[in-house]
PDB file of N, CA and C in Angstrom:
ATOM      1  N   MET A   1       1.265  -1.013  -0.063  1.00  0.00           N
ATOM      2  CA  MET A   1      -0.425   0.412  -0.174  1.00  0.00           C
ATOM      3  C   MET A   1       0.763   1.020   0.200  1.00  0.00           C
ATOM      4  N   LYS A   2       0.605   2.368  -0.526  1.00  0.00           N
ATOM      5  CA  LYS A   2       0.859   3.322  -0.709  1.00  0.00           C
ATOM      6  C   LYS A   2       0.482   4.528  -0.328  1.00  0.00           C
ATOM      7  N   PHE A   3       1.748   4.656   0.762  1.00  0.00           N
ATOM      8  CA  PHE A   3       1.742   6.035   2.300  1.00  0.00           C
ATOM      9  C   PHE A   3       2.195   7.208   1.813  1.00  0.00           C
ATOM     10  N   LEU A   4       2.162   7.730   1.621  1.00  0.00           N
ATOM     11  CA  LEU A   4       2.397   9.815   0.924  1.00  0.00           C
ATOM     12  C   LEU A   4       2.841  10.932   2.290  1.00  0.00           C
ATOM     13  N   LEU A   5       3.356  11.222   2.529  1.00  0.00           N
ATOM     14  CA  LEU A   5       3.769  12.415   3.263  1.00  0.00           C
ATOM     15  C   LEU A   5       3.067  13.823   3.020  1.00  0.00           C
ATOM     16  N   THR A   6       2.168  14.208   4.246  1.00  0.00           N
ATOM     17  CA  THR A   6       1.139  15.106   4.270  1.00  0.00           C
ATOM     18  C   THR A   6       2.155  17.036   4.698  1.00  0.00           C
ATOM     19  N   GLY A   7       1.555  17.743   4.510  1.00  0.00           N
ATOM     20  CA  GLY A   7       2.224  19.102   5.076  1.00  0.00           C
ATOM     21  C   GLY A   7       3.916  19.753   4.416  1.00  0.00           C
ATOM     22  N   PRO A   8       4.281  20.044   5.627  1.00  0.00           N
ATOM     23  CA  PRO A   8       5.572  20.639   5.124  1.00  0.00           C
ATOM     24  C   PRO A   8       6.575  19.180   4.672  1.00  0.00           C
ATOM     25  N   ASP A   9       6.372  17.844   4.665  1.00  0.00           N
ATOM     26  CA  ASP A   9       7.436  17.117   4.329  1.00  0.00           C
ATOM     27  C   ASP A   9       6.663  16.870   2.865  1.00  0.00           C
ATOM     28  N   GLN A  10       5.459  17.126   2.809  1.00  0.00           N
ATOM     29  CA  GLN A  10       5.092  16.248   0.901  1.00  0.00           C
ATOM     30  C   GLN A  10       6.102  16.583  -0.022  1.00  0.00           C
ATOM     31  N   GLY A  11       6.311  16.100  -0.439  1.00  0.00           N
ATOM     32  CA  GLY A  11       6.799  15.442  -1.991  1.00  0.00           C
ATOM     33  C   GLY A  11       8.442  15.568  -1.504  1.00  0.00           C
ATOM     34  N   LYS A  12       8.623  15.189  -0.218  1.00  0.00           N
ATOM     35  CA  LYS A  12       9.961  15.446   0.023  1.00  0.00           C
ATOM     36  C   LYS A  12      10.331  14.106  -0.195  1.00  0.00           C
ATOM     37  N   THR A  13      11.901  13.624  -0.212  1.00  0.00           N
ATOM     38  CA  THR A  13      12.665  12.189  -0.118  1.00  0.00           C
ATOM     39  C   THR A  13      13.522  12.129   0.800  1.00  0.00           C
ATOM     40  N   LYS A  14      12.848  11.189   2.419  1.00  0.00           N
ATOM     41  CA  LYS A  14      13.477  11.360   3.432  1.00  0.00           C
ATOM     42  C   LYS A  14      13.060  10.466   4.036  1.00  0.00           C
ATOM     43  N   MET A  15      13.558   9.985   5.334  1.00  0.00           N
ATOM     44  CA  MET A  15      13.212   8.799   6.516  1.00  0.00           C
ATOM     45  C   MET A  15      12.242   9.308   7.349  1.00  0.00           C
ATOM     46  N   VAL A  16      11.195   8.205   7.389  1.00  0.00           N
ATOM     47  CA  VAL A  16      10.294   9.163   8.603  1.00  0.00           C
ATOM     48  C   VAL A  16      10.120   7.932   9.141  1.00  0.00           C
ATOM     49  N   GLY A  17       9.990   7.556  10.754  1.00  0.00           N
ATOM     50  CA  GLY A  17       9.478   6.486  11.451  1.00  0.00           C
ATOM     51  C   GLY A  17      10.168   5.097  11.031  1.00  0.00           C
ATOM     52  N   GLY A  18      10.883   5.348  10.210  1.00  0.00           N
ATOM     53  CA  GLY A  18      11.504   4.199   9.956  1.00  0.00           C
ATOM     54  C   GLY A  18      11.250   3.724   8.647  1.00  0.00           C
ATOM     55  N   PHE A  19      10.590   4.810   7.944  1.00  0.00           N
ATOM     56  CA  PHE A  19      10.125   4.569   6.224  1.00  0.00           C
ATOM     57  C   PHE A  19      11.159   5.646   5.486  1.00  0.00           C
ATOM     58  N   ALA A  20      11.740   4.487   4.491  1.00  0.00           N
ATOM     59  CA  ALA A  20      12.186   5.591   3.312  1.00  0.00           C
ATOM     60  C   ALA A  20      11.122   5.930   2.197  1.00  0.00           C
ATOM     61  N   PHE A  21      11.206   7.382   2.040  1.00  0.00           N
ATOM     62  CA  PHE A  21       9.976   8.495   1.742  1.00  0.00           C
ATOM     63  C   PHE A  21      10.695   9.045   0.757  1.00  0.00           C
ATOM     64  N   THR A  22      10.532   8.073  -1.203  1.00  0.00           N
ATOM     65  CA  THR A  22      10.784   9.487  -2.214  1.00  0.00           C
ATOM     66  C   THR A  22       9.971   9.998  -2.508  1.00  0.00           C
ATOM     67  N   GLU A  23      10.462  11.051  -2.933  1.00  0.00           N
ATOM     68  CA  GLU A  23       9.468  11.885  -3.227  1.00  0.00           C
ATOM     69  C   GLU A  23       7.938  12.030  -3.104  1.00  0.00           C
ATOM     70  N   GLY A  24       8.108  12.121  -1.112  1.00  0.00           N
ATOM     71  CA  GLY A  24       6.881  11.773  -0.484  1.00  0.00           C
ATOM     72  C   GLY A  24       5.636  10.718  -0.417  1.00  0.00           C
ATOM     73  N   ALA A  25       6.874   9.813  -1.197  1.00  0.00           N
ATOM     74  CA  ALA A  25       5.840   8.459  -1.484  1.00  0.00           C
ATOM     75  C   ALA A  25       6.335   7.300  -0.502  1.00  0.00           C
ATOM     76  N   THR A  26       5.966   6.320  -0.329  1.00  0.00           N
ATOM     77  CA  THR A  26       6.966   4.746   0.249  1.00  0.00           C
ATOM     78  C   THR A  26       5.750   3.879  -0.160  1.00  0.00           C
ATOM     79  N   GLU A  27       5.940   2.310  -0.553  1.00  0.00           N
ATOM     80  CA  GLU A  27       4.711   1.237  -0.753  1.00  0.00           C
ATOM     81  C   GLU A  27       5.766   0.215   0.832  1.00  0.00           C
ATOM     82  N   VAL A  28       4.716   0.167   1.285  1.00  0.00           N
ATOM     83  CA  VAL A  28       4.369  -0.614   2.283  1.00  0.00           C
ATOM     84  C   VAL A  28       3.985  -2.099   1.944  1.00  0.00           C
ATOM     85  N   ALA A  29       4.101  -2.959   2.405  1.00  0.00           N
ATOM     86  CA  ALA A  29       4.082  -4.423   2.217  1.00  0.00           C
ATOM     87  C   ALA A  29       2.916  -5.166   2.844  1.00  0.00           C
ATOM     88  N   ASP A  30       1.788  -5.579   2.164  1.00  0.00           N
ATOM     89  CA  ASP A  30       0.602  -5.592   2.688  1.00  0.00           C
ATOM     90  C   ASP A  30       1.092  -6.101   4.613  1.00  0.00           C
ATOM     91  N   THR A  31       1.517  -6.967   4.773  1.00  0.00           N
ATOM     92  CA  THR A  31       1.876  -7.609   6.288  1.00  0.00           C
ATOM     93  C   THR A  31       2.143  -6.817   7.500  1.00  0.00           C
ATOM     94  N   GLY A  32       3.017  -5.229   6.624  1.00  0.00           N
ATOM     95  CA  GLY A  32       3.506  -4.308   7.506  1.00  0.00           C
ATOM     96  C   GLY A  32       2.200  -2.661   7.209  1.00  0.00           C
ATOM     97  N   VAL A  33       1.075  -3.131   6.438  1.00  0.00           N
ATOM     98  CA  VAL A  33       0.253  -1.635   6.382  1.00  0.00           C
ATOM     99  C   VAL A  33      -0.070  -1.503   7.980  1.00  0.00           C
ATOM    100  N   GLU A  34      -0.856  -2.291   8.590  1.00  0.00           N
ATOM    101  CA  GLU A  34      -1.196  -1.929  10.463  1.00  0.00           C
ATOM    102  C   GLU A  34      -0.073  -1.183  11.287  1.00  0.00           C
ATOM    103  N   MET A  35       0.840  -1.918  11.441  1.00  0.00           N
ATOM    104  CA  MET A  35       2.128  -1.438  11.679  1.00  0.00           C
ATOM    105  C   MET A  35       2.352  -0.016  11.802  1.00  0.00           C
ATOM    106  N   ALA A  36       2.486   0.011   9.759  1.00  0.00           N
ATOM    107  CA  ALA A  36       3.206   1.169   9.418  1.00  0.00           C
ATOM    108  C   ALA A  36       1.945   2.259   9.865  1.00  0.00           C
ATOM    109  N   SER A  37       0.991   2.219   9.455  1.00  0.00           N
ATOM    110  CA  SER A  37      -0.228   3.283   9.532  1.00  0.00           C
ATOM    111  C   SER A  37       0.125   3.452  11.220  1.00  0.00           C
ATOM    112  N   ASN A  38      -0.302   2.824  12.164  1.00  0.00           N
ATOM    113  CA  ASN A  38       0.003   3.405  13.576  1.00  0.00           C
ATOM    114  C   ASN A  38       0.990   4.069  13.654  1.00  0.00           C
ATOM    115  N   ILE A  39       2.001   4.067  12.933  1.00  0.00           N
ATOM    116  CA  ILE A  39       3.474   4.467  13.099  1.00  0.00           C
ATOM    117  C   ILE A  39       2.944   5.859  12.380  1.00  0.00           C
ATOM    118  N   LEU A  40       3.105   5.444  11.120  1.00  0.00           N
ATOM    119  CA  LEU A  40       3.128   6.977  10.263  1.00  0.00           C
ATOM    120  C   LEU A  40       1.640   7.994  10.742  1.00  0.00           C
ATOM    121  N   SER A  41       0.939   7.535  11.056  1.00  0.00           N
ATOM    122  CA  SER A  41      -0.941   8.314  11.116  1.00  0.00           C
ATOM    123  C   SER A  41      -1.125   8.834  12.269  1.00  0.00           C
ATOM    124  N   ARG A  42      -0.328   8.387  13.377  1.00  0.00           N
ATOM    125  CA  ARG A  42      -0.632   8.666  14.418  1.00  0.00           C
ATOM    126  C   ARG A  42       0.759   9.727  14.844  1.00  0.00           C
ATOM    127  N   PHE A  43       1.972   9.545  14.168  1.00  0.00           N
ATOM    128  CA  PHE A  43       3.088  10.767  14.725  1.00  0.00           C
ATOM    129  C   PHE A  43       3.832  11.394  13.483  1.00  0.00           C
ATOM    130  N   HIS A  44       3.216  11.329  12.357  1.00  0.00           N
ATOM    131  CA  HIS A  44       4.245  11.433  11.287  1.00  0.00           C
ATOM    132  C   HIS A  44       2.869  12.542  10.377  1.00  0.00           C
ATOM    133  N   ALA A  45       1.383  12.868  10.439  1.00  0.00           N
ATOM    134  CA  ALA A  45       0.899  13.259   9.701  1.00  0.00           C
ATOM    135  C   ALA A  45       0.929  12.137   7.980  1.00  0.00           C
ATOM    136  N   CYS A  46       1.230  11.084   7.624  1.00  0.00           N
ATOM    137  CA  CYS A  46       1.365  10.996   7.158  1.00  0.00           C
ATOM    138  C   CYS A  46       0.467   9.439   6.865  1.00  0.00           C
ATOM    139  N   TYR A  47      -0.334   9.408   5.485  1.00  0.00           N
ATOM    140  CA  TYR A  47      -1.536   8.031   5.193  1.00  0.00           C
ATOM    141  C   TYR A  47      -1.476   7.417   3.966  1.00  0.00           C
ATOM    142  N   PRO A  48      -2.459   6.577   4.305  1.00  0.00           N
ATOM    143  CA  PRO A  48      -2.950   5.372   3.243  1.00  0.00           C
ATOM    144  C   PRO A  48      -2.893   6.514   1.589  1.00  0.00           C
ATOM    145  N   GLU A  49      -2.681   6.413   0.748  1.00  0.00           N
ATOM    146  CA  GLU A  49      -3.010   7.528  -0.684  1.00  0.00           C
ATOM    147  C   GLU A  49      -4.601   7.525  -0.722  1.00  0.00           C
ATOM    148  N   HIS A  50      -5.173   6.119  -0.635  1.00  0.00           N
ATOM    149  CA  HIS A  50      -6.215   6.197  -0.876  1.00  0.00           C
ATOM    150  C   HIS A  50      -7.636   7.499   0.444  1.00  0.00           C
ATOM    151  N   MET A  51      -7.020   8.067   0.996  1.00  0.00           N
ATOM    152  CA  MET A  51      -7.742   8.560   2.232  1.00  0.00           C
ATOM    153  C   MET A  51      -7.179  10.219   2.077  1.00  0.00           C
ATOM    154  N   LEU A  52      -6.300  10.211   0.729  1.00  0.00           N
ATOM    155  CA  LEU A  52      -5.948  11.646   0.736  1.00  0.00           C
ATOM    156  C   LEU A  52      -6.454  12.044  -0.445  1.00  0.00           C
ATOM    157  N   GLU A  53      -6.423  13.247  -0.635  1.00  0.00           N
ATOM    158  CA  GLU A  53      -7.177  14.325  -1.695  1.00  0.00           C
ATOM    159  C   GLU A  53      -5.903  15.492  -2.136  1.00  0.00           C
ATOM    160  N   LEU A  54      -5.978  15.818  -3.527  1.00  0.00           N
ATOM    161  CA  LEU A  54      -5.284  17.400  -3.120  1.00  0.00           C
ATOM    162  C   LEU A  54      -6.345  18.650  -2.962  1.00  0.00           C
ATOM    163  N   ASN A  55      -6.255  19.593  -2.209  1.00  0.00           N
ATOM    164  CA  ASN A  55      -6.996  20.546  -1.979  1.00  0.00           C
ATOM    165  C   ASN A  55      -6.705  21.499  -3.672  1.00  0.00           C
ATOM    166  N   GLU A  56      -7.640  22.568  -3.391  1.00  0.00           N
ATOM    167  CA  GLU A  56      -7.395  24.281  -4.198  1.00  0.00           C
ATOM    168  C   GLU A  56      -6.276  24.389  -4.968  1.00  0.00           C
ATOM    169  N   GLU A  57      -5.478  23.918  -2.899  1.00  0.00           N
ATOM    170  CA  GLU A  57      -3.579  24.490  -2.968  1.00  0.00           C
ATOM    171  C   GLU A  57      -2.315  23.782  -3.427  1.00  0.00           C
ATOM    172  N   GLY A  58      -3.526  22.705  -3.993  1.00  0.00           N
ATOM    173  CA  GLY A  58      -2.127  21.498  -4.329  1.00  0.00           C
ATOM    174  C   GLY A  58      -1.843  20.874  -3.209  1.00  0.00           C
ATOM    175  N   LYS A  59      -2.671  20.993  -2.466  1.00  0.00           N
ATOM    176  CA  LYS A  59      -1.974  20.046  -1.099  1.00  0.00           C
ATOM    177  C   LYS A  59      -2.602  19.262  -0.356  1.00  0.00           C
ATOM    178  N   LEU A  60      -1.859  17.947  -0.063  1.00  0.00           N
ATOM    179  CA  LEU A  60      -2.110  16.383   0.157  1.00  0.00           C
ATOM    180  C   LEU A  60      -2.797  16.600   1.810  1.00  0.00           C
ATOM    181  N   VAL A  61      -4.782  16.179   1.660  1.00  0.00           N
ATOM    182  CA  VAL A  61      -5.308  16.627   2.900  1.00  0.00           C
ATOM    183  C   VAL A  61      -5.971  15.868   2.863  1.00  0.00           C
ATOM    184  N   LEU A  62      -6.261  15.089   4.182  1.00  0.00           N
ATOM    185  CA  LEU A  62      -7.067  13.811   4.034  1.00  0.00           C
ATOM    186  C   LEU A  62      -8.379  14.361   3.690  1.00  0.00           C
ATOM    187  N   LYS A  63      -8.676  13.020   3.028  1.00  0.00           N
ATOM    188  CA  LYS A  63     -10.634  13.513   2.819  1.00  0.00           C
ATOM    189  C   LYS A  63     -11.733  13.098   3.867  1.00  0.00           C
ATOM    190  N   PRO A  64     -12.436  13.862   2.925  1.00  0.00           N
ATOM    191  CA  PRO A  64     -13.895  14.244   4.442  1.00  0.00           C
ATOM    192  C   PRO A  64     -13.935  13.240   5.286  1.00  0.00           C
ATOM    193  N   GLU A  65     -14.470  11.942   4.749  1.00  0.00           N
ATOM    194  CA  GLU A  65     -15.130  10.845   5.312  1.00  0.00           C
ATOM    195  C   GLU A  65     -13.231  10.241   5.703  1.00  0.00           C
ATOM    196  N   ALA A  66     -12.108  10.574   5.440  1.00  0.00           N
ATOM    197  CA  ALA A  66     -11.250   9.345   6.145  1.00  0.00           C
ATOM    198  C   ALA A  66     -10.358  10.832   8.031  1.00  0.00           C
ATOM    199  N   SER A  67     -11.615  11.520   7.952  1.00  0.00           N
ATOM    200  CA  SER A  67     -10.582  12.364   8.675  1.00  0.00           C
ATOM    201  C   SER A  67     -10.664  12.050  10.224  1.00  0.00           C
ATOM    202  N   GLU A  68     -11.532  10.649  10.329  1.00  0.00           N
ATOM    203  CA  GLU A  68     -11.349   9.983  11.885  1.00  0.00           C
ATOM    204  C   GLU A  68     -10.469   8.782  10.993  1.00  0.00           C
ATOM    205  N   VAL A  69      -9.233   8.743  12.252  1.00  0.00           N
ATOM    206  CA  VAL A  69      -8.472   7.749  11.582  1.00  0.00           C
ATOM    207  C   VAL A  69      -8.554   6.873  12.599  1.00  0.00           C
ATOM    208  N   THR A  70      -8.739   4.997  12.063  1.00  0.00           N
ATOM    209  CA  THR A  70      -8.451   3.953  13.338  1.00  0.00           C
ATOM    210  C   THR A  70      -7.277   3.659  13.352  1.00  0.00           C
ATOM    211  N   VAL A  71      -7.198   3.888  14.534  1.00  0.00           N
ATOM    212  CA  VAL A  71      -5.357   3.277  15.087  1.00  0.00           C
ATOM    213  C   VAL A  71      -5.783   1.770  15.794  1.00  0.00           C
ATOM    214  N   VAL A  72      -5.110   1.238  15.380  1.00  0.00           N
ATOM    215  CA  VAL A  72      -5.355  -0.598  15.691  1.00  0.00           C
ATOM    216  C   VAL A  72      -3.859  -0.395  16.337  1.00  0.00           C
ATOM    217  N   HIS A  73      -4.083  -0.955  18.350  1.00  0.00           N
ATOM    218  CA  HIS A  73      -2.866  -1.097  18.337  1.00  0.00           C
ATOM    219  C   HIS A  73      -2.205  -2.391  17.789  1.00  0.00           C
ATOM    220  N   VAL A  74      -1.111  -2.575  17.776  1.00  0.00           N
ATOM    221  CA  VAL A  74      -0.437  -3.889  17.113  1.00  0.00           C
ATOM    222  C   VAL A  74       1.125  -4.509  18.487  1.00  0.00           C
ATOM    223  N   ASP A  75       1.091  -5.990  18.767  1.00  0.00           N
ATOM    224  CA  ASP A  75       1.731  -6.820  19.265  1.00  0.00           C
ATOM    225  C   ASP A  75       3.391  -6.404  18.428  1.00  0.00           C
ATOM    226  N   PRO A  76       4.504  -5.364  18.664  1.00  0.00           N
ATOM    227  CA  PRO A  76       5.221  -5.495  17.879  1.00  0.00           C
ATOM    228  C   PRO A  76       6.970  -6.381  17.437  1.00  0.00           C
ATOM    229  N   VAL A  77       5.797  -7.916  18.677  1.00  0.00           N
ATOM    230  CA  VAL A  77       6.819  -8.972  18.078  1.00  0.00           C
ATOM    231  C   VAL A  77       6.103  -9.859  17.511  1.00  0.00           C
ATOM    232  N   THR A  78       4.370  -9.882  16.752  1.00  0.00           N
ATOM    233  CA  THR A  78       4.092 -10.665  16.194  1.00  0.00           C
ATOM    234  C   THR A  78       2.795 -10.062  15.423  1.00  0.00           C
ATOM    235  N   ASN A  79       3.344  -8.827  15.479  1.00  0.00           N
ATOM    236  CA  ASN A  79       2.641  -7.820  14.973  1.00  0.00           C
ATOM    237  C   ASN A  79       0.816  -8.039  14.097  1.00  0.00           C
ATOM    238  N   ALA A  80       0.898  -8.901  15.564  1.00  0.00           N
ATOM    239  CA  ALA A  80      -1.136  -8.694  16.139  1.00  0.00           C
ATOM    240  C   ALA A  80      -1.549  -7.874  16.752  1.00  0.00           C
ATOM    241  N   PRO A  81      -2.655  -7.814  16.461  1.00  0.00           N
ATOM    242  CA  PRO A  81      -3.518  -6.940  16.998  1.00  0.00           C
ATOM    243  C   PRO A  81      -3.565  -7.046  18.330  1.00  0.00           C
ATOM    244  N   LEU A  82      -3.411  -5.860  19.559  1.00  0.00           N
ATOM    245  CA  LEU A  82      -3.931  -6.052  21.235  1.00  0.00           C
ATOM    246  C   LEU A  82      -4.931  -6.200  21.574  1.00  0.00           C
ATOM    247  N   ALA A  83      -5.767  -6.054  22.121  1.00  0.00           N
ATOM    248  CA  ALA A  83      -7.080  -5.685  22.904  1.00  0.00           C
ATOM    249  C   ALA A  83      -7.249  -4.752  22.602  1.00  0.00           C
ATOM    250  N   ASP A  84      -8.669  -4.371  22.878  1.00  0.00           N
ATOM    251  CA  ASP A  84      -8.873  -2.883  23.132  1.00  0.00           C
ATOM    252  C   ASP A  84      -8.596  -2.372  24.223  1.00  0.00           C
ATOM    253  N   GLU A  85      -8.141  -1.107  24.497  1.00  0.00           N
ATOM    254  CA  GLU A  85      -7.698  -0.189  25.998  1.00  0.00           C
ATOM    255  C   GLU A  85      -8.154   0.168  26.427  1.00  0.00           C
ATOM    256  N   THR A  86      -9.910  -0.656  26.872  1.00  0.00           N
ATOM    257  CA  THR A  86     -10.303  -0.334  27.969  1.00  0.00           C
ATOM    258  C   THR A  86     -10.459  -0.959  28.678  1.00  0.00           C
ATOM    259  N   ASP A  87     -10.784  -0.309  29.784  1.00  0.00           N
ATOM    260  CA  ASP A  87     -11.071  -0.420  31.080  1.00  0.00           C
ATOM    261  C   ASP A  87     -11.665  -1.831  31.579  1.00  0.00           C
ATOM    262  N   ASP A  88     -10.995  -2.371  31.300  1.00  0.00           N
ATOM    263  CA  ASP A  88     -12.574  -4.132  31.390  1.00  0.00           C
ATOM    264  C   ASP A  88     -12.581  -4.364  33.047  1.00  0.00           C
ATOM    265  N   GLY A  89     -12.084  -3.757  34.426  1.00  0.00           N
ATOM    266  CA  GLY A  89     -12.095  -3.995  35.261  1.00  0.00           C
ATOM    267  C   GLY A  89     -10.986  -4.874  35.756  1.00  0.00           C
ATOM    268  N   SER A  90     -10.165  -5.923  35.583  1.00  0.00           N
ATOM    269  CA  SER A  90      -9.262  -6.951  35.466  1.00  0.00           C
ATOM    270  C   SER A  90      -8.336  -5.973  36.349  1.00  0.00           C
ATOM    271  N   GLY A  91      -7.842  -4.922  36.876  1.00  0.00           N
ATOM    272  CA  GLY A  91      -7.027  -4.616  37.867  1.00  0.00           C
ATOM    273  C   GLY A  91      -5.484  -5.081  37.274  1.00  0.00           C
ATOM    274  N   LEU A  92      -5.906  -5.412  35.311  1.00  0.00           N
ATOM    275  CA  LEU A  92      -4.510  -5.555  35.120  1.00  0.00           C
ATOM    276  C   LEU A  92      -4.235  -4.279  33.930  1.00  0.00           C
ATOM    277  N   ASP A  93      -3.251  -3.660  33.693  1.00  0.00           N
ATOM    278  CA  ASP A  93      -2.999  -3.164  32.828  1.00  0.00           C
ATOM    279  C   ASP A  93      -3.451  -2.655  31.435  1.00  0.00           C
ATOM    280  N   GLU A  94      -3.858  -2.148  30.676  1.00  0.00           N
ATOM    281  CA  GLU A  94      -4.437  -2.751  28.945  1.00  0.00           C
ATOM    282  C   GLU A  94      -3.204  -3.358  28.276  1.00  0.00           C
ATOM    283  N   VAL A  95      -2.043  -2.951  28.783  1.00  0.00           N
ATOM    284  CA  VAL A  95      -1.225  -3.264  27.379  1.00  0.00           C
ATOM    285  C   VAL A  95       0.393  -3.807  28.741  1.00  0.00           C
ATOM    286  N   GLY A  96       0.435  -4.518  28.511  1.00  0.00           N
ATOM    287  CA  GLY A  96       1.414  -5.706  29.033  1.00  0.00           C
ATOM    288  C   GLY A  96       0.737  -6.203  30.242  1.00  0.00           C
ATOM    289  N   GLY A  97      -0.409  -6.631  30.488  1.00  0.00           N
ATOM    290  CA  GLY A  97      -0.626  -6.980  31.968  1.00  0.00           C
ATOM    291  C   GLY A  97       0.092  -6.867  32.720  1.00  0.00           C
ATOM    292  N   VAL A  98       0.197  -5.246  32.909  1.00  0.00           N
ATOM    293  CA  VAL A  98       0.710  -4.972  34.357  1.00  0.00           C
ATOM    294  C   VAL A  98      -0.573  -4.446  35.174  1.00  0.00           C
ATOM    295  N   PRO A  99      -0.145  -4.955  37.214  1.00  0.00           N
ATOM    296  CA  PRO A  99      -0.966  -5.117  37.835  1.00  0.00           C
ATOM    297  C   PRO A  99      -1.461  -3.317  37.574  1.00  0.00           C
ATOM    298  N   ASP A 100      -2.734  -2.706  38.270  1.00  0.00           N
ATOM    299  CA  ASP A 100      -3.026  -1.574  38.465  1.00  0.00           C
ATOM    300  C   ASP A 100      -3.743  -1.503  39.596  1.00  0.00           C
ATOM    301  N   ASP A 101      -3.192  -0.651  40.480  1.00  0.00           N
ATOM    302  CA  ASP A 101      -3.410  -0.433  41.720  1.00  0.00           C
ATOM    303  C   ASP A 101      -5.697   0.373  41.665  1.00  0.00           C
ATOM    304  N   GLY A 102      -5.519   0.720  40.363  1.00  0.00           N
ATOM    305  CA  GLY A 102      -7.169   1.051  40.293  1.00  0.00           C
ATOM    306  C   GLY A 102      -7.603   2.800  40.818  1.00  0.00           C
ATOM    307  N   LYS A 103      -6.158   3.262  41.130  1.00  0.00           N
ATOM    308  CA  LYS A 103      -6.156   4.345  41.026  1.00  0.00           C
ATOM    309  C   LYS A 103      -5.371   5.004  39.666  1.00  0.00           C
ATOM    310  N   GLY A 104      -5.056   4.253  38.443  1.00  0.00           N
ATOM    311  CA  GLY A 104      -4.423   4.810  37.429  1.00  0.00           C
ATOM    312  C   GLY A 104      -2.778   4.649  37.926  1.00  0.00           C
ATOM    313  N   GLN A 105      -2.418   3.899  38.754  1.00  0.00           N
ATOM    314  CA  GLN A 105      -0.832   3.975  39.353  1.00  0.00           C
ATOM    315  C   GLN A 105      -0.584   2.237  39.213  1.00  0.00           C
ATOM    316  N   LYS A 106       0.761   2.498  38.564  1.00  0.00           N
ATOM    317  CA  LYS A 106       1.158   1.275  38.425  1.00  0.00           C
ATOM    318  C   LYS A 106       1.626   1.356  40.438  1.00  0.00           C
ATOM    319  N   PRO A 107       2.239  -0.113  40.412  1.00  0.00           N
ATOM    320  CA  PRO A 107       3.267  -0.732  41.801  1.00  0.00           C
ATOM    321  C   PRO A 107       4.477   0.359  42.035  1.00  0.00           C
ATOM    322  N   GLY A 108       4.435   0.846  43.347  1.00  0.00           N
ATOM    323  CA  GLY A 108       5.541   1.330  43.147  1.00  0.00           C
ATOM    324  C   GLY A 108       5.809   3.361  42.818  1.00  0.00           C
ATOM    325  N   LYS A 109       4.506   2.841  42.445  1.00  0.00           N
ATOM    326  CA  LYS A 109       4.626   4.682  41.806  1.00  0.00           C
ATOM    327  C   LYS A 109       3.989   5.078  42.764  1.00  0.00           C
ATOM    328  N   LYS A 110       4.697   6.111  43.065  1.00  0.00           N
ATOM    329  CA  LYS A 110       3.643   7.644  44.192  1.00  0.00           C
ATOM    330  C   LYS A 110       3.388   8.452  43.470  1.00  0.00           C
ATOM    331  N   GLY A 111       1.850   8.940  43.461  1.00  0.00           N
ATOM    332  CA  GLY A 111       0.628  10.211  43.130  1.00  0.00           C
ATOM    333  C   GLY A 111       1.803  11.503  43.836  1.00  0.00           C
ATOM    334  N   LYS A 112       1.649  12.100  43.024  1.00  0.00           N
ATOM    335  CA  LYS A 112       2.114  13.871  43.155  1.00  0.00           C
ATOM    336  C   LYS A 112       2.188  14.554  43.940  1.00  0.00           C
ATOM    337  N   LYS A 113       2.449  14.720  44.867  1.00  0.00           N
ATOM    338  CA  LYS A 113       2.518  15.539  46.461  1.00  0.00           C
ATOM    339  C   LYS A 113       2.154  16.695  46.018  1.00  0.00           C
TER     340      LYS A 113
END
């Protein structure tokens, strides 16, 4: 899938988020699209080509129907989607299974004084 840089990096050749862009574009293999989308869309204003359009000024912008990007968190080792990050009341942190004290703090961490 082709990802395109937007904003001040549009059309540039550079490394962004570990991906090599040539003239503002990079191709990502199907097996890496979820991970790439999470990194590029979330942190670098870079989106899949089908989500973008040119505005009157020639700038790439998100299409109106694509303005809400769904980010799927994936395991960095297996690239498998992680469980939803909402609090399920289990007492475990959403990512990594670290015990949660129910006050949003990890064991051993003190709140601000």
